[in-house]
Amino acid sequence: MAKSTIQYVCSSCGAKAPQMLGRCPVCGEWGTYEEEVLQRSDLTAKRSYSERGLSAAGGHPKRLQDVQASHEIRIDMHNGELNRVLGGGLVPGSLVLLGGEPGIGKSTLALQVLMQQGERKTFYASGEESAQQLKLRAERLAGNAENLYISAETSLERILEQVKELEPEIVVIDSIQTIGTDAIDATIGSLSQVRECAARILEFAKTRDIPFFIIGHINKEGSLAGPKVLEHIVDTVLQFEGDQHNMYRILRAQKNRFGSTSELGIYEMRQDGLREVTNPSELLLSTSREGLSGIAIAAAVEGVRPFLIEVQALVSSAAYGTPQRSSTGFDGRRLNMLLAVLEKRVGFKLLQKDVFLNIAGGLRVQDPAIDLAVIASVLSSNMDIPLDATTCLCGEVGLAGEIRPVNRIEQRIAEAEKLGFKRILIPDGQKIDSKRFKIEVVAVKRVTDAFRLLIKS
């Protein structure tokens, strides 16, 4: 019998050790080492991925200037939000990893996209659901499943044989943690199984020019489960985010070899599947905010898409000894910094008050240009004075209380004008042609200047 070897691998960075360690000496994470069993026959007989794939097809080295570059013809996914996040469409032969929390809609999105392909032959291999369960979900989505082939299979070898037989144009594997290969004597879902399956899928995709989507689980910290090398193997890493109790879902690209990682796709979860949100501003703004304190409208940008969001704040006296600081959809550390700016530079004492902040719609926004709207909403709630419902804000707030310039300012102004706002506060020093816009554009230098304008109005 083949002799087995046991090693321990860090699930965060992939570092290996001969014994179990509590803390990884490479990445510093705690409790990430997992046992991995390897057979001697596998160690000596198997070739690495580079030997199997790249070296076999690479030939002799070439000078870079002698390589003939060709423009990749991307596959139109018939889904505008997914095309945007992918960088204009799906590249043939690419490997895309789709991750997200359980129940967020990963499988629904993958199946719905395949059913939108029309005459294009597609293949969906599921290791989590039976064929009958896939049929029920497809009927609920009410799409075109004429050229969609499904398979309830957990063996990677049989899945690849089915792909060879069908020759589909797009393949989805759901999920990578439920697929195993006979080449490794290890439990399905283990580090070695996930890593080897991903490497073999990548080799198959590149040699046959077939794009693959693989769905991955996430751990309790919110990052993709399995070895970190999984994210390095694939071409694109998509993260499906959102609150299960909210209707909106966000699709982000954490890694993209064929496009930008700053693009954003927004979907609305409905009974019949996911609907694309082409104009998120109209859905994210409530129509009943007139006369309510603690609400400010921010002009945000994700990727190249501008949209307006509603920032809500609630400031109240602390019921307990330690004041609470809570934020939903906004970085909590940045909220603490902005509250410190309010106290030091503006003079508002918030030490003995609870502050709650919420980005309406369940979105998580990382644009620093919403800083001005955050502190404006906190000020409005603290003083119980409603802000002008026809005014929106954009600007990054510095530690000195200054309002710093932001990018794509003209797109933000145009979006506010399109939605009927009469005035927008922007950082002073931004070079714009104000004559192009009908909306009133007001430039402010410091936080105190913005407060005077907001309270006066």
Foldseek 3Di string as FASTA:
>chain_A
DFDKAKWKAFQEAGDIDNDDDQADPPPGDGPRIDIDMFTPCLVPPDDDLCVPFVVVPPPDDDDPVPDDDDDFDFDDLLAVLVCVQQARHHGFLFEEEEEEAPPLQPVLVVVLSCLSPPPFAEEEEECPDQPVVVVVLCVLLPGHCPRYYYYHDQELVVVVVVCVVSVGQEYEYHALQSHAYPSGPDDRNAQVRSVVSLSVSSRSRNVSRHYYYHYFYPDPVTHTGHHPVSVVSGQWYWYWDFDSVFFKIKIFIPHHNNHDRQRIWMWGQDSNGTDGDPAVQVVQDDPPCPLFALWAKAFFDGDNDIHIWIKGKAKAFAPDDFAAQEEQLEDSVVLVLLVVLCCPVVNDDRRRIHMYMYTGRGHRDDGQQCSLRNVRSVVRNVVVNHWDPLEHETFHADNNQWTDADPPVVNSQVNSVVVPRQEYEGAPPDDDDCVVGNHHYHHDTGSVVVVVVRVVD
